[in-house]
């Protein structure tokens, strides 16, 4: 059974355009909830073995330590995540002593403590953006080289550009969803999120290249026009793409729901990116090629 996917491209492009517009609006309106990896500061997560004090009680007991803009966020049943300015090891131990008094002697477990200076945070932010830009440029060059013998009816470099547009689509939507999660659920953007984005770029472009590769194989022998050849190629690869994504998502979602809190945001970003990337490789990248071919013919 063949689906008229390319023929209905206006529907898919409208959906993508709406999602990208909503994502950009969320990013502009609320920004990203940057973690200490980028802003600098300290993060302390502890678990109370008995009843957990309220956030207000914790802030009141620690205010005399001069921690700056201290925030206390409940985590799990009895845990709490504290965020404050960059501190010394001596002050770190003072915080633990006060929390121990609140929970009862030896009644807390320290789960993690991270401390990053502001200069390191800015450097990480700069290198993260640079890493994403380098990956995108490398992808364009690789696809243009791989499809260098495909010159008609669409130039080889346009395959690379179509893939990059799909990748921007994936990244913007994923970041937009995290802007919403940061605003309403306190989810932070950290270096693990950047690693997830880079992984999504690799996964998504792999899906896109599978479709493009089938187009390259079908073009010399196809009796259909370019639009029909693209649609046939998408239909030949759609089952493989969806099945691969579903099996990947089943594993990722099981980690989201049953894995540890420390990697949950990383896996959530991967899950969103894999889902959106599968959509864009089928319903966005290939229709863009057809649109360019139509524009070329009109010209």
C-alpha atoms as a PDB file:
ATOM      1  CA  UNK A   1       0.000   0.000   0.000  1.00  0.00           C
ATOM      2  CA  UNK A   2       1.371   3.394  -1.009  1.00  0.00           C
ATOM      3  CA  UNK A   3       0.633   6.588   0.930  1.00  0.00           C
ATOM      4  CA  UNK A   4       0.443  10.001  -0.711  1.00  0.00           C
ATOM      5  CA  UNK A   5       2.858  11.563   1.762  1.00  0.00           C
ATOM      6  CA  UNK A   6       4.583  14.014  -0.567  1.00  0.00           C
ATOM      7  CA  UNK A   7       1.351  15.008  -2.269  1.00  0.00           C
ATOM      8  CA  UNK A   8      -0.008  16.119   1.107  1.00  0.00           C
ATOM      9  CA  UNK A   9       3.126  18.069   1.962  1.00  0.00           C
ATOM     10  CA  UNK A  10       1.221  21.266   2.769  1.00  0.00           C
ATOM     11  CA  UNK A  11      -0.323  19.520   5.787  1.00  0.00           C
ATOM     12  CA  UNK A  12       3.044  18.298   7.144  1.00  0.00           C
ATOM     13  CA  UNK A  13       4.761  21.623   6.492  1.00  0.00           C
ATOM     14  CA  UNK A  14       1.940  23.475   8.256  1.00  0.00           C
ATOM     15  CA  UNK A  15       2.272  21.215  11.310  1.00  0.00           C
ATOM     16  CA  UNK A  16       6.040  21.760  11.384  1.00  0.00           C
ATOM     17  CA  UNK A  17       5.658  25.509  10.939  1.00  0.00           C
ATOM     18  CA  UNK A  18       3.151  25.705  13.800  1.00  0.00           C
ATOM     19  CA  UNK A  19       5.358  23.667  16.159  1.00  0.00           C
ATOM     20  CA  UNK A  20       8.449  25.726  15.328  1.00  0.00           C
ATOM     21  CA  UNK A  21       6.520  28.989  15.814  1.00  0.00           C
ATOM     22  CA  UNK A  22       5.190  27.847  19.209  1.00  0.00           C
ATOM     23  CA  UNK A  23       8.665  26.687  20.238  1.00  0.00           C
ATOM     24  CA  UNK A  24      10.268  29.998  19.269  1.00  0.00           C
ATOM     25  CA  UNK A  25       7.527  31.869  21.132  1.00  0.00           C
ATOM     26  CA  UNK A  26       8.205  29.805  24.282  1.00  0.00           C
ATOM     27  CA  UNK A  27      11.969  30.369  24.002  1.00  0.00           C
ATOM     28  CA  UNK A  28      11.561  34.129  23.498  1.00  0.00           C
ATOM     29  CA  UNK A  29       8.887  34.547  26.183  1.00  0.00           C
ATOM     30  CA  UNK A  30      10.362  32.369  28.934  1.00  0.00           C
ATOM     31  CA  UNK A  31      13.940  31.690  27.914  1.00  0.00           C
ATOM     32  CA  UNK A  32      15.806  28.624  29.098  1.00  0.00           C
ATOM     33  CA  UNK A  33      16.243  27.593  32.710  1.00  0.00           C
ATOM     34  CA  UNK A  34      20.037  27.293  32.591  1.00  0.00           C
ATOM     35  CA  UNK A  35      21.664  25.030  35.161  1.00  0.00           C
ATOM     36  CA  UNK A  36      24.833  25.716  37.103  1.00  0.00           C
ATOM     37  CA  UNK A  37      26.909  24.223  34.251  1.00  0.00           C
ATOM     38  CA  UNK A  38      26.254  27.460  32.347  1.00  0.00           C
ATOM     39  CA  UNK A  39      25.460  30.056  35.006  1.00  0.00           C
ATOM     40  CA  UNK A  40      27.963  29.018  37.658  1.00  0.00           C
ATOM     41  CA  UNK A  41      27.044  28.144  41.231  1.00  0.00           C
ATOM     42  CA  UNK A  42      26.513  25.074  43.401  1.00  0.00           C
ATOM     43  CA  UNK A  43      23.923  22.326  43.490  1.00  0.00           C
ATOM     44  CA  UNK A  44      23.390  20.058  46.476  1.00  0.00           C
ATOM     45  CA  UNK A  45      20.908  17.177  46.511  1.00  0.00           C
ATOM     46  CA  UNK A  46      20.148  15.400  49.789  1.00  0.00           C
ATOM     47  CA  UNK A  47      17.623  12.816  50.914  1.00  0.00           C
ATOM     48  CA  UNK A  48      15.986  12.990  54.346  1.00  0.00           C
ATOM     49  CA  UNK A  49      15.527   9.596  55.969  1.00  0.00           C
ATOM     50  CA  UNK A  50      12.648  10.933  58.050  1.00  0.00           C
ATOM     51  CA  UNK A  51      10.076  13.615  57.177  1.00  0.00           C
ATOM     52  CA  UNK A  52      11.368  16.272  54.799  1.00  0.00           C
ATOM     53  CA  UNK A  53      11.276  19.891  56.059  1.00  0.00           C
ATOM     54  CA  UNK A  54       9.482  22.425  53.900  1.00  0.00           C
ATOM     55  CA  UNK A  55      11.417  24.574  51.432  1.00  0.00           C
ATOM     56  CA  UNK A  56      10.692  27.657  53.559  1.00  0.00           C
ATOM     57  CA  UNK A  57      12.130  25.968  56.684  1.00  0.00           C
ATOM     58  CA  UNK A  58      15.300  24.970  54.841  1.00  0.00           C
ATOM     59  CA  UNK A  59      15.800  28.480  53.452  1.00  0.00           C
ATOM     60  CA  UNK A  60      15.230  30.020  56.896  1.00  0.00           C
ATOM     61  CA  UNK A  61      17.791  27.734  58.561  1.00  0.00           C
ATOM     62  CA  UNK A  62      20.463  28.337  55.923  1.00  0.00           C
ATOM     63  CA  UNK A  63      20.002  32.084  55.362  1.00  0.00           C
ATOM     64  CA  UNK A  64      22.769  33.067  57.814  1.00  0.00           C
ATOM     65  CA  UNK A  65      25.393  31.219  55.713  1.00  0.00           C
ATOM     66  CA  UNK A  66      25.292  33.858  52.959  1.00  0.00           C
ATOM     67  CA  UNK A  67      24.467  31.523  50.060  1.00  0.00           C
ATOM     68  CA  UNK A  68      23.082  34.203  47.765  1.00  0.00           C
ATOM     69  CA  UNK A  69      19.860  33.392  45.901  1.00  0.00           C
ATOM     70  CA  UNK A  70      19.172  30.076  47.626  1.00  0.00           C
ATOM     71  CA  UNK A  71      16.381  27.934  46.171  1.00  0.00           C
ATOM     72  CA  UNK A  72      15.083  24.651  47.580  1.00  0.00           C
ATOM     73  CA  UNK A  73      13.227  22.284  45.248  1.00  0.00           C
ATOM     74  CA  UNK A  74      11.567  19.063  46.509  1.00  0.00           C
ATOM     75  CA  UNK A  75      12.730  15.905  44.739  1.00  0.00           C
ATOM     76  CA  UNK A  76      11.110  12.484  45.051  1.00  0.00           C
ATOM     77  CA  UNK A  77       9.505  11.454  48.338  1.00  0.00           C
ATOM     78  CA  UNK A  78      11.989  12.902  50.842  1.00  0.00           C
ATOM     79  CA  UNK A  79      14.682  14.553  48.758  1.00  0.00           C
ATOM     80  CA  UNK A  80      15.474  18.206  48.154  1.00  0.00           C
ATOM     81  CA  UNK A  81      17.690  19.978  45.620  1.00  0.00           C
ATOM     82  CA  UNK A  82      19.400  23.166  46.799  1.00  0.00           C
ATOM     83  CA  UNK A  83      20.869  25.734  44.396  1.00  0.00           C
ATOM     84  CA  UNK A  84      23.023  28.638  45.514  1.00  0.00           C
ATOM     85  CA  UNK A  85      26.172  30.584  44.659  1.00  0.00           C
ATOM     86  CA  UNK A  86      29.574  28.957  44.251  1.00  0.00           C
ATOM     87  CA  UNK A  87      30.901  28.017  47.719  1.00  0.00           C
ATOM     88  CA  UNK A  88      33.958  26.554  49.390  1.00  0.00           C
ATOM     89  CA  UNK A  89      34.196  23.022  50.782  1.00  0.00           C
ATOM     90  CA  UNK A  90      34.097  24.430  54.311  1.00  0.00           C
ATOM     91  CA  UNK A  91      30.720  26.067  53.696  1.00  0.00           C
ATOM     92  CA  UNK A  92      29.530  22.892  51.989  1.00  0.00           C
ATOM     93  CA  UNK A  93      30.142  20.975  55.201  1.00  0.00           C
ATOM     94  CA  UNK A  94      28.386  23.676  57.260  1.00  0.00           C
ATOM     95  CA  UNK A  95      25.283  23.263  55.088  1.00  0.00           C
ATOM     96  CA  UNK A  96      25.307  19.503  55.639  1.00  0.00           C
ATOM     97  CA  UNK A  97      25.627  20.009  59.402  1.00  0.00           C
ATOM     98  CA  UNK A  98      22.602  22.326  59.488  1.00  0.00           C
ATOM     99  CA  UNK A  99      20.547  19.970  57.342  1.00  0.00           C
ATOM    100  CA  UNK A 100      21.521  17.073  59.622  1.00  0.00           C
ATOM    101  CA  UNK A 101      20.240  19.033  62.614  1.00  0.00           C
ATOM    102  CA  UNK A 102      16.960  19.671  60.821  1.00  0.00           C
ATOM    103  CA  UNK A 103      16.489  16.032  59.868  1.00  0.00           C
ATOM    104  CA  UNK A 104      17.889  14.578  63.061  1.00  0.00           C
ATOM    105  CA  UNK A 105      21.480  13.453  63.600  1.00  0.00           C
ATOM    106  CA  UNK A 106      22.743  11.261  60.721  1.00  0.00           C
ATOM    107  CA  UNK A 107      19.311  11.441  59.120  1.00  0.00           C
ATOM    108  CA  UNK A 108      20.271  12.756  55.682  1.00  0.00           C
ATOM    109  CA  UNK A 109      22.121  11.242  52.739  1.00  0.00           C
ATOM    110  CA  UNK A 110      24.076  13.463  50.377  1.00  0.00           C
ATOM    111  CA  UNK A 111      23.253  12.326  46.841  1.00  0.00           C
ATOM    112  CA  UNK A 112      25.343  14.796  44.859  1.00  0.00           C
ATOM    113  CA  UNK A 113      27.202  18.081  45.085  1.00  0.00           C
ATOM    114  CA  UNK A 114      28.315  20.050  42.022  1.00  0.00           C
ATOM    115  CA  UNK A 115      30.072  23.408  42.013  1.00  0.00           C
ATOM    116  CA  UNK A 116      30.973  25.443  38.918  1.00  0.00           C
ATOM    117  CA  UNK A 117      32.570  28.883  38.789  1.00  0.00           C
ATOM    118  CA  UNK A 118      30.918  31.587  36.611  1.00  0.00           C
ATOM    119  CA  UNK A 119      33.872  31.810  34.209  1.00  0.00           C
ATOM    120  CA  UNK A 120      33.780  28.051  33.608  1.00  0.00           C
ATOM    121  CA  UNK A 121      30.028  28.266  33.057  1.00  0.00           C
ATOM    122  CA  UNK A 122      30.455  30.904  30.331  1.00  0.00           C
ATOM    123  CA  UNK A 123      33.166  28.834  28.670  1.00  0.00           C
ATOM    124  CA  UNK A 124      30.950  25.749  28.665  1.00  0.00           C
ATOM    125  CA  UNK A 125      28.113  27.762  27.110  1.00  0.00           C
ATOM    126  CA  UNK A 126      30.392  29.053  24.345  1.00  0.00           C
ATOM    127  CA  UNK A 127      31.858  25.630  23.607  1.00  0.00           C
ATOM    128  CA  UNK A 128      28.421  24.012  23.551  1.00  0.00           C
ATOM    129  CA  UNK A 129      27.163  26.432  20.893  1.00  0.00           C
ATOM    130  CA  UNK A 130      30.386  25.980  18.927  1.00  0.00           C
ATOM    131  CA  UNK A 131      30.058  22.182  19.050  1.00  0.00           C
ATOM    132  CA  UNK A 132      26.527  22.319  17.614  1.00  0.00           C
ATOM    133  CA  UNK A 133      27.582  24.717  14.818  1.00  0.00           C
ATOM    134  CA  UNK A 134      30.562  22.523  13.863  1.00  0.00           C
ATOM    135  CA  UNK A 135      28.364  19.419  13.747  1.00  0.00           C
ATOM    136  CA  UNK A 136      25.823  21.137  11.473  1.00  0.00           C
ATOM    137  CA  UNK A 137      28.536  22.339   9.069  1.00  0.00           C
ATOM    138  CA  UNK A 138      30.128  18.882   9.001  1.00  0.00           C
ATOM    139  CA  UNK A 139      26.751  17.295   8.208  1.00  0.00           C
ATOM    140  CA  UNK A 140      26.125  19.641   5.263  1.00  0.00           C
ATOM    141  CA  UNK A 141      29.584  18.961   3.809  1.00  0.00           C
ATOM    142  CA  UNK A 142      29.252  15.202   4.268  1.00  0.00           C
ATOM    143  CA  UNK A 143      25.829  14.958   2.612  1.00  0.00           C
ATOM    144  CA  UNK A 144      26.890  17.249  -0.253  1.00  0.00           C
ATOM    145  CA  UNK A 145      29.928  15.028  -0.864  1.00  0.00           C
ATOM    146  CA  UNK A 146      27.944  11.779  -0.565  1.00  0.00           C
ATOM    147  CA  UNK A 147      25.328  12.949  -3.074  1.00  0.00           C
ATOM    148  CA  UNK A 148      27.824  14.714  -5.353  1.00  0.00           C
ATOM    149  CA  UNK A 149      26.871  12.513  -8.344  1.00  0.00           C
ATOM    150  CA  UNK A 150      23.202  13.409  -7.978  1.00  0.00           C
ATOM    151  CA  UNK A 151      22.832  16.647  -9.911  1.00  0.00           C
ATOM    152  CA  UNK A 152      19.380  16.378 -11.477  1.00  0.00           C
ATOM    153  CA  UNK A 153      16.776  17.617 -10.972  1.00  0.00           C
ATOM    154  CA  UNK A 154      18.010  18.961  -7.605  1.00  0.00           C
ATOM    155  CA  UNK A 155      21.662  19.857  -6.950  1.00  0.00           C
ATOM    156  CA  UNK A 156      23.555  17.675  -4.459  1.00  0.00           C
ATOM    157  CA  UNK A 157      24.164  20.506  -1.975  1.00  0.00           C
ATOM    158  CA  UNK A 158      20.403  20.981  -1.628  1.00  0.00           C
ATOM    159  CA  UNK A 159      20.137  17.515  -0.094  1.00  0.00           C
ATOM    160  CA  UNK A 160      22.482  18.710   2.624  1.00  0.00           C
ATOM    161  CA  UNK A 161      20.564  21.950   3.079  1.00  0.00           C
ATOM    162  CA  UNK A 162      17.247  20.059   3.313  1.00  0.00           C
ATOM    163  CA  UNK A 163      18.746  17.855   6.018  1.00  0.00           C
ATOM    164  CA  UNK A 164      19.982  20.911   7.930  1.00  0.00           C
ATOM    165  CA  UNK A 165      16.538  22.551   7.782  1.00  0.00           C
ATOM    166  CA  UNK A 166      15.075  19.334   9.230  1.00  0.00           C
ATOM    167  CA  UNK A 167      17.742  19.332  11.950  1.00  0.00           C
ATOM    168  CA  UNK A 168      17.025  22.952  12.898  1.00  0.00           C
ATOM    169  CA  UNK A 169      13.359  21.959  13.074  1.00  0.00           C
ATOM    170  CA  UNK A 170      14.224  19.107  15.482  1.00  0.00           C
ATOM    171  CA  UNK A 171      16.490  21.207  17.692  1.00  0.00           C
ATOM    172  CA  UNK A 172      14.142  24.211  17.932  1.00  0.00           C
ATOM    173  CA  UNK A 173      11.144  22.058  18.877  1.00  0.00           C
ATOM    174  CA  UNK A 174      13.150  20.108  21.475  1.00  0.00           C
ATOM    175  CA  UNK A 175      14.559  23.316  22.997  1.00  0.00           C
ATOM    176  CA  UNK A 176      11.091  24.898  22.917  1.00  0.00           C
ATOM    177  CA  UNK A 177       9.595  21.997  24.862  1.00  0.00           C
ATOM    178  CA  UNK A 178      12.374  22.340  27.439  1.00  0.00           C
ATOM    179  CA  UNK A 179      11.642  26.070  27.701  1.00  0.00           C
ATOM    180  CA  UNK A 180       8.078  25.116  28.682  1.00  0.00           C
ATOM    181  CA  UNK A 181       9.314  22.420  31.082  1.00  0.00           C
ATOM    182  CA  UNK A 182      11.769  24.887  32.617  1.00  0.00           C
ATOM    183  CA  UNK A 183       9.061  27.494  33.133  1.00  0.00           C
ATOM    184  CA  UNK A 184       6.448  25.231  34.729  1.00  0.00           C
ATOM    185  CA  UNK A 185       8.437  22.289  36.145  1.00  0.00           C
ATOM    186  CA  UNK A 186      11.887  23.735  36.853  1.00  0.00           C
ATOM    187  CA  UNK A 187      13.691  21.487  34.339  1.00  0.00           C
ATOM    188  CA  UNK A 188      17.204  22.824  33.728  1.00  0.00           C
ATOM    189  CA  UNK A 189      19.423  23.027  30.662  1.00  0.00           C
ATOM    190  CA  UNK A 190      22.892  21.616  31.357  1.00  0.00           C
ATOM    191  CA  UNK A 191      25.788  19.991  29.510  1.00  0.00           C
ATOM    192  CA  UNK A 192      23.913  16.672  29.462  1.00  0.00           C
ATOM    193  CA  UNK A 193      21.167  18.419  27.468  1.00  0.00           C
ATOM    194  CA  UNK A 194      23.753  19.617  24.939  1.00  0.00           C
ATOM    195  CA  UNK A 195      25.018  16.030  24.637  1.00  0.00           C
ATOM    196  CA  UNK A 196      21.421  14.919  24.043  1.00  0.00           C
ATOM    197  CA  UNK A 197      20.984  17.542  21.287  1.00  0.00           C
ATOM    198  CA  UNK A 198      24.170  16.397  19.548  1.00  0.00           C
ATOM    199  CA  UNK A 199      22.964  12.788  19.761  1.00  0.00           C
ATOM    200  CA  UNK A 200      19.598  13.798  18.309  1.00  0.00           C
ATOM    201  CA  UNK A 201      21.367  15.530  15.399  1.00  0.00           C
ATOM    202  CA  UNK A 202      23.217  12.322  14.586  1.00  0.00           C
ATOM    203  CA  UNK A 203      20.122  10.132  14.921  1.00  0.00           C
ATOM    204  CA  UNK A 204      17.902  12.437  12.872  1.00  0.00           C
ATOM    205  CA  UNK A 205      20.343  12.931  10.014  1.00  0.00           C
ATOM    206  CA  UNK A 206      20.821   9.156   9.854  1.00  0.00           C
ATOM    207  CA  UNK A 207      17.070   8.739   9.301  1.00  0.00           C
ATOM    208  CA  UNK A 208      17.073  11.485   6.667  1.00  0.00           C
ATOM    209  CA  UNK A 209      20.030   9.995   4.780  1.00  0.00           C
ATOM    210  CA  UNK A 210      18.257   6.608   4.620  1.00  0.00           C
ATOM    211  CA  UNK A 211      15.390   8.282   2.741  1.00  0.00           C
ATOM    212  CA  UNK A 212      17.711  10.351   0.530  1.00  0.00           C
ATOM    213  CA  UNK A 213      19.810   7.292  -0.271  1.00  0.00           C
ATOM    214  CA  UNK A 214      16.718   5.460  -1.520  1.00  0.00           C
ATOM    215  CA  UNK A 215      15.883   8.528  -3.648  1.00  0.00           C
ATOM    216  CA  UNK A 216      19.374   8.376  -5.146  1.00  0.00           C
ATOM    217  CA  UNK A 217      18.926   4.690  -5.990  1.00  0.00           C
ATOM    218  CA  UNK A 218      15.479   5.167  -7.518  1.00  0.00           C
ATOM    219  CA  UNK A 219      16.145   8.280  -9.635  1.00  0.00           C
ATOM    220  CA  UNK A 220      18.067   6.599 -12.515  1.00  0.00           C
ATOM    221  CA  UNK A 221      15.525   3.790 -12.968  1.00  0.00           C
ATOM    222  CA  UNK A 222      12.245   5.446 -12.024  1.00  0.00           C
ATOM    223  CA  UNK A 223       9.599   6.109 -14.678  1.00  0.00           C
ATOM    224  CA  UNK A 224       7.783   8.558 -12.368  1.00  0.00           C
ATOM    225  CA  UNK A 225       8.398  12.271 -12.123  1.00  0.00           C
ATOM    226  CA  UNK A 226      10.570  13.633  -9.313  1.00  0.00           C
ATOM    227  CA  UNK A 227       7.628  14.045  -6.913  1.00  0.00           C
ATOM    228  CA  UNK A 228       6.451  10.499  -7.554  1.00  0.00           C
ATOM    229  CA  UNK A 229       9.965   9.116  -7.124  1.00  0.00           C
ATOM    230  CA  UNK A 230      10.362  10.899  -3.792  1.00  0.00           C
ATOM    231  CA  UNK A 231       6.981   9.593  -2.611  1.00  0.00           C
ATOM    232  CA  UNK A 232       7.877   6.027  -3.631  1.00  0.00           C
ATOM    233  CA  UNK A 233      11.226   6.301  -1.824  1.00  0.00           C
ATOM    234  CA  UNK A 234       9.581   7.583   1.360  1.00  0.00           C
ATOM    235  CA  UNK A 235       7.039   4.739   1.255  1.00  0.00           C
ATOM    236  CA  UNK A 236       9.847   2.201   0.848  1.00  0.00           C
ATOM    237  CA  UNK A 237      11.646   3.462   3.968  1.00  0.00           C
ATOM    238  CA  UNK A 238       8.818   4.660   6.231  1.00  0.00           C
ATOM    239  CA  UNK A 239       8.203   1.279   7.899  1.00  0.00           C
ATOM    240  CA  UNK A 240      11.884   0.862   8.686  1.00  0.00           C
ATOM    241  CA  UNK A 241      12.152   4.394  10.110  1.00  0.00           C
ATOM    242  CA  UNK A 242       9.055   4.096  12.306  1.00  0.00           C
ATOM    243  CA  UNK A 243       9.934   0.624  13.612  1.00  0.00           C
ATOM    244  CA  UNK A 244      13.473   1.725  14.490  1.00  0.00           C
ATOM    245  CA  UNK A 245      12.181   4.817  16.284  1.00  0.00           C
ATOM    246  CA  UNK A 246       9.525   2.906  18.226  1.00  0.00           C
ATOM    247  CA  UNK A 247      12.022   0.361  19.540  1.00  0.00           C
ATOM    248  CA  UNK A 248      14.406   3.197  20.490  1.00  0.00           C
ATOM    249  CA  UNK A 249      11.627   5.165  22.207  1.00  0.00           C
ATOM    250  CA  UNK A 250      10.472   2.122  24.202  1.00  0.00           C
ATOM    251  CA  UNK A 251      13.935   1.822  25.726  1.00  0.00           C
ATOM    252  CA  UNK A 252      14.274   5.568  26.336  1.00  0.00           C
ATOM    253  CA  UNK A 253      10.819   5.951  27.904  1.00  0.00           C
ATOM    254  CA  UNK A 254      11.438   3.013  30.231  1.00  0.00           C
ATOM    255  CA  UNK A 255      14.522   4.878  31.506  1.00  0.00           C
ATOM    256  CA  UNK A 256      12.515   8.119  31.839  1.00  0.00           C
ATOM    257  CA  UNK A 257       9.902   6.437  34.048  1.00  0.00           C
ATOM    258  CA  UNK A 258      12.049   3.922  35.920  1.00  0.00           C
ATOM    259  CA  UNK A 259      15.603   5.312  35.728  1.00  0.00           C
ATOM    260  CA  UNK A 260      17.411   7.611  38.116  1.00  0.00           C
ATOM    261  CA  UNK A 261      16.587  11.293  38.422  1.00  0.00           C
ATOM    262  CA  UNK A 262      20.143  12.316  37.468  1.00  0.00           C
ATOM    263  CA  UNK A 263      19.768  11.131  33.842  1.00  0.00           C
ATOM    264  CA  UNK A 264      16.014  11.648  33.421  1.00  0.00           C
ATOM    265  CA  UNK A 265      16.251  15.060  31.729  1.00  0.00           C
ATOM    266  CA  UNK A 266      18.962  13.783  29.367  1.00  0.00           C
ATOM    267  CA  UNK A 267      16.846  10.796  28.343  1.00  0.00           C
ATOM    268  CA  UNK A 268      13.723  12.958  28.046  1.00  0.00           C
ATOM    269  CA  UNK A 269      15.532  15.272  25.608  1.00  0.00           C
ATOM    270  CA  UNK A 270      16.636  12.225  23.600  1.00  0.00           C
ATOM    271  CA  UNK A 271      13.083  10.857  23.523  1.00  0.00           C
ATOM    272  CA  UNK A 272      11.613  14.133  22.265  1.00  0.00           C
ATOM    273  CA  UNK A 273      14.402  14.530  19.705  1.00  0.00           C
ATOM    274  CA  UNK A 274      14.047  10.978  18.358  1.00  0.00           C
ATOM    275  CA  UNK A 275      10.283  11.393  17.938  1.00  0.00           C
ATOM    276  CA  UNK A 276      10.543  14.796  16.237  1.00  0.00           C
ATOM    277  CA  UNK A 277      13.538  13.648  14.164  1.00  0.00           C
ATOM    278  CA  UNK A 278      11.622  10.684  12.786  1.00  0.00           C
ATOM    279  CA  UNK A 279       8.771  12.998  11.805  1.00  0.00           C
ATOM    280  CA  UNK A 280      11.071  15.497  10.069  1.00  0.00           C
ATOM    281  CA  UNK A 281      13.008  12.869   8.103  1.00  0.00           C
ATOM    282  CA  UNK A 282       9.762  11.579   6.573  1.00  0.00           C
ATOM    283  CA  UNK A 283       7.443  14.569   6.439  1.00  0.00           C
ATOM    284  CA  UNK A 284       9.786  17.572   6.156  1.00  0.00           C
ATOM    285  CA  UNK A 285      13.166  16.865   4.529  1.00  0.00           C
ATOM    286  CA  UNK A 286      11.795  15.028   1.473  1.00  0.00           C
ATOM    287  CA  UNK A 287       8.966  17.500   0.736  1.00  0.00           C
ATOM    288  CA  UNK A 288      11.545  20.317   0.807  1.00  0.00           C
ATOM    289  CA  UNK A 289      13.358  18.642  -2.120  1.00  0.00           C
ATOM    290  CA  UNK A 290      10.109  18.525  -4.097  1.00  0.00           C
ATOM    291  CA  UNK A 291       9.402  22.197  -3.365  1.00  0.00           C
ATOM    292  CA  UNK A 292      12.847  23.160  -4.678  1.00  0.00           C
ATOM    293  CA  UNK A 293      12.266  21.088  -7.807  1.00  0.00           C
ATOM    294  CA  UNK A 294       8.914  22.822  -8.397  1.00  0.00           C
ATOM    295  CA  UNK A 295      10.530  26.247  -7.944  1.00  0.00           C
ATOM    296  CA  UNK A 296      13.295  25.279 -10.389  1.00  0.00           C
ATOM    297  CA  UNK A 297      10.788  24.181 -13.010  1.00  0.00           C
ATOM    298  CA  UNK A 298       8.791  27.393 -12.673  1.00  0.00           C
ATOM    299  CA  UNK A 299      12.009  29.360 -13.049  1.00  0.00           C
END
